[in-house]
Every structure is written in C-alpha cells, then in structure tokens.
Amino acid sequence: MTANTRWRRSLGALLLPVLLLTACTAKSPQTPKPAIKPPVSTSTQTTYPLTVTDDAGRSVTLAAEPKRVVSVAPSNTEMLFALGKGDLLVGRSDFDDYPPEATKLPSIGGYVPPNYEAIMGAQPDLVLVIGGSVAERDKLANEYKLPVLVLDPKTLNDVYKDLALLGQVVNAQPAATKLVDQMKADVAAVVTKVAGKPKPTVFYEVWHDPLMTAGQETFINDLITLAGGVNIGADVKGWTNYSLEQVQAKDPDLYITSKEAVASVGQRSGFGGLKAIKAKKVFGMDDPNLGVRPGPRLILGLQWFAKTIHPELFPG
C-alpha cells in the first residue's frame, strides 16, 4: 500500500461520518438536538446499572460493567487504550492502527455498513461508534439490542468530555481524570510558550479536490489557535469546502497539507502565487492522524502545529 493510499484511507475514515451526518440530517429533519450530558460522577468507581447521554443525545443504559467492547472507529479505540482498558476490546475497525496492539485484534470491517455478523459474533456488551450513520447505529441498538455509545467529539473540549464519559462507562474514572488533567497541562505549556508572539495565518487543507478545510467547531481550528496561529478557515464552520479564491484572498503565511502533497501544491493552477508557496512554508505531518483523529494524541498534533507555526520557539 502506498503512502498516498494510506493518507486517503485515513482521510476517508475521518470525513465519512461528517458527510454521512449531513446526509442523514437532510433525510430526518425532525431529529432532536443532542442533549447536554450530565456531569460525570465524582466517585472513583462507577455504579451499575448506569445510564448516560452520548454525543447523539441518546440515553444509553448499561446493566453491568462492560467486559467485551467492540470499537467501530480508531478514535474510540485510542481512547480506550489510553484509559488502560484496551484489554476490553474484542473487535475493532479496519482503520484502527494505534496503538500497535490494536492491530492484533479481530477486525469487524468498516463502519458503513458495519459487519453486523462479525459484531454479533464478538458477543460485545458495549459497542463504541462515532457520528454519521444513524441507520447503522440504530440497527445495532434497536434490532440487535446492543448498548451503543456514540462518541463524536468536534472540539478539543469535546475530547476531554468524551474521555471523562468513556471513563465513567468502563469504570476507569481515575485514569480519565489523570489523562485529561495531563492533556490540559500539556496544552497550557504550549499556550504559555507562544503567548505574546506574532500570529501567522494558516490554511489547513483537508482535501484538495474539491478543496476542503477545517473551520470553526473543529479540533483542527482549536490546535491552530492554541499553537499561536490564525486559521483563515475560521470564517466557515465544520469540515467544509473552501475555494481557491478564498485562500488567495486571505493569502496565508503557512499552508498545511498532507506530507505527500507538500511538493506538488505549488504546481497546481492558481496556487503558485500564494505567499506560503513562495516562502516555501508548506508543511505536512509525518503522521496525519495526529491532527485528524480526535483522541489523546491530539496533544502531539498541537505540539507539531506549535513547532511548525513558531519554529523560533522550538529550536531543533
């Protein structure tokens, strides 16, 4: 598999639930807005039966502590391992590649459509999914009678909340609290480092054909802002199309794309005149998942953004 193919698969895993959510919303205009999740219990141990509200605003009840979990998204798999509960996993998606131990787990295929037979064969007492496919999610919950928890964080703060929620659900509240506290401390260290410095403008390319970016209410926007930059895509919302004309009008100082596309961006029609191209300020992450996969490793993505936007503050 080529590097470009791996990038496309990773990007597809990110964008699929976003595009599916748009389609499902159009078909179901009466879908209620997600409810605000109740505060996580301050107890260090979870008491079951437990009822929580997930990111889709659904009430989810677990009769007992989960012992067999299937994750249908790499972000949820990373969260579970980060909480020290990776041993609960009995199934993961084709895209789950971190930590390395995850690749050794049986795969239940993709997400749309999920392999219902493989999921049922794993005999889970909890299925972790992301937003997007309402029909598949509801089939697992209603027809197959499985507890299905939707974790679909949009921002960095949402990641904190979902780690706390997942920690409550799988009886790992101390680990969740410790992890979130460490993440916040790491963020604070970066924010302190870049405080008072000039704020270069940044364009983040999610995809090139059509040109797409990450606007408001995305963790990419959070990372760029916290790292001391200005996201020129912040005038739009979510993961969305962004025209070349819009990029040209803002003329960013830095252009962030996939590592594979760094050398070719300037060769595209209309891109060569951009300030970032002329100054050779086009960058790509070695591991794009650090920026596009909502989980604990977003902190590594933040640190990469900070070093890229303010290299003078991070020599070497």
Protein backbone atom coordinates (compact mmCIF):
# COMPACT_ATOMS: atom_id res chain seq x y z
CA MET A 1 0.00 0.00 0.00
CA THR A 2 1.45 3.39 -0.98
CA ALA A 3 1.76 6.35 1.41
CA ASN A 4 -0.82 8.23 -0.63
CA THR A 5 -3.25 5.32 -0.33
CA ARG A 6 -2.78 5.24 3.45
CA TRP A 7 -3.46 9.00 3.57
CA ARG A 8 -6.65 8.61 1.52
CA ARG A 9 -7.90 5.77 3.76
CA SER A 10 -7.13 7.77 6.90
CA LEU A 11 -8.82 10.86 5.48
CA GLY A 12 -11.79 8.80 4.35
CA ALA A 13 -12.22 7.42 7.85
CA LEU A 14 -12.31 10.99 9.16
CA LEU A 15 -14.64 12.54 6.58
CA LEU A 16 -17.10 9.66 6.14
CA PRO A 17 -19.05 10.27 9.36
CA VAL A 18 -19.10 14.03 8.64
CA LEU A 19 -20.59 13.51 5.18
CA LEU A 20 -22.96 10.82 6.40
CA LEU A 21 -24.20 13.02 9.21
CA THR A 22 -25.08 15.72 6.68
CA ALA A 23 -26.99 13.25 4.55
CA CYS A 24 -28.85 11.72 7.47
CA THR A 25 -29.81 15.12 8.81
CA ALA A 26 -31.29 16.03 5.43
CA LYS A 27 -33.43 12.89 5.45
CA SER A 28 -34.50 13.23 9.08
CA PRO A 29 -35.20 16.92 9.80
CA GLN A 30 -37.07 16.05 12.98
CA THR A 31 -34.01 14.53 14.67
CA PRO A 32 -33.79 16.12 18.15
CA LYS A 33 -30.76 18.16 19.05
CA PRO A 34 -28.20 16.36 21.25
CA ALA A 35 -28.91 16.82 24.93
CA ILE A 36 -26.32 18.21 27.29
CA LYS A 37 -24.51 15.37 29.01
CA PRO A 38 -24.91 15.21 32.78
CA PRO A 39 -21.84 15.83 34.92
CA VAL A 40 -19.64 12.81 35.39
CA SER A 41 -19.87 11.34 38.88
CA THR A 42 -17.14 12.41 41.27
CA SER A 43 -16.94 8.85 42.62
CA THR A 44 -13.82 6.91 41.66
CA GLN A 45 -15.91 3.81 40.97
CA THR A 46 -18.83 3.54 38.59
CA THR A 47 -22.07 2.12 39.92
CA TYR A 48 -24.18 -0.04 37.61
CA PRO A 49 -26.81 -0.11 36.21
CA LEU A 50 -25.60 3.10 34.60
CA THR A 51 -27.45 5.47 32.29
CA VAL A 52 -25.59 8.18 30.38
CA THR A 53 -26.30 10.53 27.49
CA ASP A 54 -24.00 10.12 24.49
CA ASP A 55 -22.90 12.61 21.82
CA ALA A 56 -26.00 11.91 19.74
CA GLY A 57 -28.22 12.90 22.65
CA ARG A 58 -29.26 9.29 23.20
CA SER A 59 -29.89 7.73 26.60
CA VAL A 60 -27.72 4.63 26.93
CA THR A 61 -28.09 2.16 29.79
CA LEU A 62 -25.54 -0.48 30.79
CA ALA A 63 -26.79 -3.18 33.13
CA ALA A 64 -23.29 -4.07 34.31
CA GLU A 65 -19.67 -3.08 33.84
CA PRO A 66 -18.62 -3.74 30.20
CA LYS A 67 -16.31 -6.69 29.75
CA ARG A 68 -16.40 -7.13 25.97
CA VAL A 69 -16.22 -4.00 23.82
CA VAL A 70 -16.28 -3.55 20.05
CA SER A 71 -14.97 -0.24 18.68
CA VAL A 72 -16.06 0.79 15.20
CA ALA A 73 -13.72 3.81 14.99
CA PRO A 74 -9.97 4.33 15.52
CA SER A 75 -10.52 7.37 17.74
CA ASN A 76 -12.59 5.36 20.21
CA THR A 77 -10.05 2.56 20.18
CA GLU A 78 -7.26 5.00 21.03
CA MET A 79 -9.33 6.48 23.86
CA LEU A 80 -10.00 3.07 25.37
CA PHE A 81 -6.32 2.07 25.27
CA ALA A 82 -5.31 5.45 26.73
CA LEU A 83 -7.62 4.76 29.68
CA GLY A 84 -5.86 1.44 30.30
CA LYS A 85 -8.89 -0.52 29.15
CA GLY A 86 -7.64 -1.86 25.83
CA ASP A 87 -7.97 -5.39 27.20
CA LEU A 88 -11.76 -4.99 26.99
CA LEU A 89 -11.65 -4.81 23.20
CA VAL A 90 -12.80 -7.89 21.31
CA GLY A 91 -13.19 -6.18 17.94
CA ARG A 92 -12.01 -3.07 16.06
CA SER A 93 -12.45 -1.45 12.65
CA ASP A 94 -10.20 -1.86 9.62
CA PHE A 95 -8.80 1.62 10.24
CA ASP A 96 -7.66 1.07 13.84
CA ASP A 97 -3.86 1.17 13.69
CA TYR A 98 -2.84 2.68 17.02
CA PRO A 99 -1.55 1.61 19.43
CA PRO A 100 0.18 -1.31 17.67
CA GLU A 101 -1.64 -3.74 19.97
CA ALA A 102 -4.91 -2.70 18.34
CA THR A 103 -3.87 -4.20 15.01
CA LYS A 104 -3.72 -7.63 16.64
CA LEU A 105 -7.42 -7.55 17.48
CA PRO A 106 -10.03 -9.15 15.20
CA SER A 107 -11.40 -6.65 12.67
CA ILE A 108 -15.15 -6.28 12.21
CA GLY A 109 -14.63 -4.40 8.92
CA GLY A 110 -15.59 -0.82 8.17
CA TYR A 111 -18.31 1.40 9.55
CA VAL A 112 -20.74 1.87 6.69
CA PRO A 113 -22.12 -0.61 6.57
CA PRO A 114 -20.67 -2.39 9.58
CA ASN A 115 -20.35 -6.15 9.52
CA TYR A 116 -23.26 -6.95 11.80
CA GLU A 117 -22.46 -10.66 11.78
CA ALA A 118 -18.87 -10.03 12.89
CA ILE A 119 -20.01 -7.63 15.61
CA MET A 120 -22.57 -10.08 16.97
CA GLY A 121 -20.02 -12.88 16.77
CA ALA A 122 -17.76 -10.93 19.12
CA GLN A 123 -20.57 -11.02 21.73
CA PRO A 124 -19.99 -7.45 22.94
CA ASP A 125 -21.76 -5.87 25.88
CA LEU A 126 -20.84 -2.41 24.52
CA VAL A 127 -20.30 -1.03 21.01
CA LEU A 128 -18.46 2.28 20.56
CA VAL A 129 -19.29 4.22 17.40
CA ILE A 130 -18.88 7.73 16.00
CA GLY A 131 -21.42 10.09 14.48
CA GLY A 132 -22.60 9.78 10.92
CA SER A 133 -24.62 6.72 10.09
CA VAL A 134 -27.82 6.95 12.08
CA ALA A 135 -29.36 3.92 10.39
CA GLU A 136 -26.44 1.59 11.19
CA ARG A 137 -26.19 2.87 14.75
CA ASP A 138 -29.90 2.41 15.37
CA LYS A 139 -29.91 -1.05 13.83
CA LEU A 140 -27.23 -2.18 16.26
CA ALA A 141 -29.13 -0.68 19.18
CA ASN A 142 -32.72 -1.49 18.24
CA GLU A 143 -32.62 -4.66 16.15
CA TYR A 144 -29.60 -6.33 17.70
CA LYS A 145 -30.29 -4.96 21.19
CA LEU A 146 -26.72 -3.91 21.86
CA PRO A 147 -25.70 -0.99 24.09
CA VAL A 148 -24.30 1.50 21.56
CA LEU A 149 -22.41 4.58 22.72
CA VAL A 150 -21.79 7.43 20.25
CA LEU A 151 -18.57 9.36 20.87
CA ASP A 152 -18.33 12.14 18.29
CA PRO A 153 -16.16 15.00 19.62
CA LYS A 154 -15.95 18.09 17.44
CA THR A 155 -13.53 20.18 19.51
CA LEU A 156 -10.69 19.61 21.93
CA ASN A 157 -13.01 20.33 24.85
CA ASP A 158 -15.36 17.68 23.47
CA VAL A 159 -12.47 15.20 23.55
CA TYR A 160 -11.97 15.96 27.25
CA LYS A 161 -15.68 15.39 27.91
CA ASP A 162 -15.76 12.15 25.94
CA LEU A 163 -12.73 10.77 27.76
CA ALA A 164 -14.49 11.51 31.04
CA LEU A 165 -17.71 9.91 29.77
CA LEU A 166 -15.92 6.81 28.49
CA GLY A 167 -14.00 6.58 31.76
CA GLN A 168 -17.29 6.55 33.61
CA VAL A 169 -18.82 3.96 31.30
CA VAL A 170 -15.93 1.47 31.55
CA ASN A 171 -15.18 2.13 35.24
CA ALA A 172 -11.92 3.99 34.64
CA GLN A 173 -12.73 7.38 36.13
CA PRO A 174 -9.38 7.95 37.90
CA ALA A 175 -7.50 7.15 34.70
CA ALA A 176 -9.76 9.50 32.71
CA THR A 177 -9.27 12.33 35.20
CA LYS A 178 -5.49 11.86 35.18
CA LEU A 179 -5.35 11.74 31.38
CA VAL A 180 -7.50 14.83 30.87
CA ASP A 181 -5.52 16.75 33.50
CA GLN A 182 -2.26 15.84 31.76
CA MET A 183 -3.66 16.86 28.36
CA LYS A 184 -4.77 20.22 29.76
CA ALA A 185 -1.34 20.74 31.34
CA ASP A 186 0.36 19.98 28.02
CA VAL A 187 -1.95 22.45 26.26
CA ALA A 188 -1.20 25.12 28.87
CA ALA A 189 2.54 24.63 28.34
CA VAL A 190 2.17 25.28 24.61
CA VAL A 191 -0.13 28.27 25.14
CA THR A 192 2.35 29.80 27.59
CA LYS A 193 5.21 29.25 25.16
CA VAL A 194 3.52 31.07 22.26
CA ALA A 195 1.88 33.80 24.33
CA GLY A 196 2.57 37.33 23.11
CA LYS A 197 4.17 36.18 19.85
CA PRO A 198 3.03 37.21 16.35
CA LYS A 199 0.19 35.04 15.00
CA PRO A 200 0.92 33.79 11.47
CA THR A 201 -2.09 32.96 9.32
CA VAL A 202 -2.57 29.29 8.44
CA PHE A 203 -4.58 27.36 5.88
CA TYR A 204 -5.26 23.70 6.66
CA GLU A 205 -6.03 21.57 3.62
CA VAL A 206 -8.26 18.63 4.50
CA TRP A 207 -8.57 17.63 0.85
CA HIS A 208 -7.60 19.17 -2.47
CA ASP A 209 -10.26 18.10 -4.98
CA PRO A 210 -12.51 19.76 -4.08
CA LEU A 211 -10.51 21.97 -1.78
CA MET A 212 -11.67 21.46 1.80
CA THR A 213 -10.65 22.88 5.17
CA ALA A 214 -11.48 22.71 8.87
CA GLY A 215 -13.36 25.74 10.17
CA GLN A 216 -14.95 26.71 13.46
CA GLU A 217 -16.03 23.96 15.86
CA THR A 218 -13.29 21.55 14.77
CA PHE A 219 -10.31 20.34 16.75
CA ILE A 220 -8.02 21.46 13.89
CA ASN A 221 -9.18 25.04 14.45
CA ASP A 222 -8.51 24.59 18.17
CA LEU A 223 -4.99 23.26 17.55
CA ILE A 224 -4.02 26.07 15.18
CA THR A 225 -5.36 28.72 17.57
CA LEU A 226 -3.78 27.24 20.69
CA ALA A 227 -0.47 26.86 18.82
CA GLY A 228 -0.34 30.60 18.22
CA GLY A 229 -1.68 30.79 14.69
CA VAL A 230 -4.78 32.16 12.97
CA ASN A 231 -6.86 29.70 10.99
CA ILE A 232 -8.01 31.52 7.85
CA GLY A 233 -10.77 28.91 7.53
CA ALA A 234 -12.37 30.10 10.76
CA ASP A 235 -14.84 32.12 8.71
CA VAL A 236 -16.65 28.86 7.92
CA LYS A 237 -17.96 26.10 10.13
CA GLY A 238 -17.01 22.44 10.40
CA TRP A 239 -15.28 20.34 7.74
CA THR A 240 -16.29 22.06 4.52
CA ASN A 241 -15.38 23.20 1.02
CA TYR A 242 -13.17 26.28 0.71
CA SER A 243 -12.44 27.82 -2.67
CA LEU A 244 -9.04 28.73 -4.07
CA GLU A 245 -10.34 32.28 -4.39
CA GLN A 246 -10.99 32.37 -0.65
CA VAL A 247 -7.46 31.13 0.04
CA GLN A 248 -5.99 33.67 -2.37
CA ALA A 249 -7.92 36.49 -0.71
CA LYS A 250 -6.55 35.54 2.74
CA ASP A 251 -3.08 34.63 1.34
CA PRO A 252 -1.90 32.64 4.40
CA ASP A 253 1.61 32.66 5.81
CA LEU A 254 1.63 28.87 6.15
CA TYR A 255 -0.08 26.12 4.14
CA ILE A 256 -0.67 22.77 5.85
CA THR A 257 -1.47 19.72 3.74
CA SER A 258 -0.67 16.01 3.61
CA LYS A 259 3.01 15.13 3.63
CA GLU A 260 2.59 13.55 0.19
CA ALA A 261 1.16 16.77 -1.28
CA VAL A 262 3.77 19.21 0.05
CA ALA A 263 5.91 19.13 -3.07
CA SER A 264 3.02 19.39 -5.51
CA VAL A 265 0.83 22.14 -4.01
CA GLY A 266 2.72 24.91 -5.78
CA GLN A 267 2.33 23.15 -9.13
CA ARG A 268 -1.46 23.39 -9.03
CA SER A 269 -3.09 26.05 -11.15
CA GLY A 270 -3.54 29.27 -9.21
CA PHE A 271 -1.57 28.16 -6.14
CA GLY A 272 1.91 29.34 -7.16
CA GLY A 273 1.22 32.97 -6.29
CA LEU A 274 0.36 32.26 -2.66
CA LYS A 275 2.65 33.82 -0.06
CA ALA A 276 3.15 30.46 1.68
CA ILE A 277 4.19 28.78 -1.58
CA LYS A 278 6.68 31.50 -2.47
CA ALA A 279 8.19 31.40 1.02
CA LYS A 280 8.33 27.59 0.99
CA LYS A 281 6.08 27.49 4.04
CA VAL A 282 4.15 24.37 3.02
CA PHE A 283 4.17 21.58 5.61
CA GLY A 284 2.71 18.15 6.22
CA MET A 285 2.60 15.90 9.27
CA ASP A 286 4.53 12.64 9.14
CA ASP A 287 1.51 11.08 10.84
CA PRO A 288 -1.66 12.91 9.71
CA ASN A 289 -3.70 11.08 12.34
CA LEU A 290 -2.17 13.33 15.00
CA GLY A 291 -4.27 16.16 13.62
CA VAL A 292 -7.40 14.48 12.36
CA ARG A 293 -8.13 11.72 14.87
CA PRO A 294 -9.97 13.07 17.95
CA GLY A 295 -8.28 11.44 20.92
CA PRO A 296 -5.38 11.82 23.36
CA ARG A 297 -2.80 12.12 20.58
CA LEU A 298 -4.25 15.46 19.52
CA ILE A 299 -1.77 16.87 22.03
CA LEU A 300 1.06 15.61 19.81
CA GLY A 301 -0.71 17.30 16.93
CA LEU A 302 -0.84 20.54 18.93
CA GLN A 303 2.87 20.34 19.63
CA TRP A 304 3.57 19.77 15.93
CA PHE A 305 1.48 22.81 14.99
CA ALA A 306 3.27 24.95 17.58
CA LYS A 307 6.72 23.94 16.29
CA THR A 308 5.61 24.49 12.69
CA ILE A 309 3.97 27.87 13.29
CA HIS A 310 6.67 29.11 15.70
CA PRO A 311 9.90 27.25 14.87
CA GLU A 312 11.89 30.02 16.55
CA LEU A 313 10.45 28.92 19.90
CA PHE A 314 11.32 25.27 19.43
CA PRO A 315 14.91 25.06 18.16
CA GLY A 316 15.94 21.66 16.87
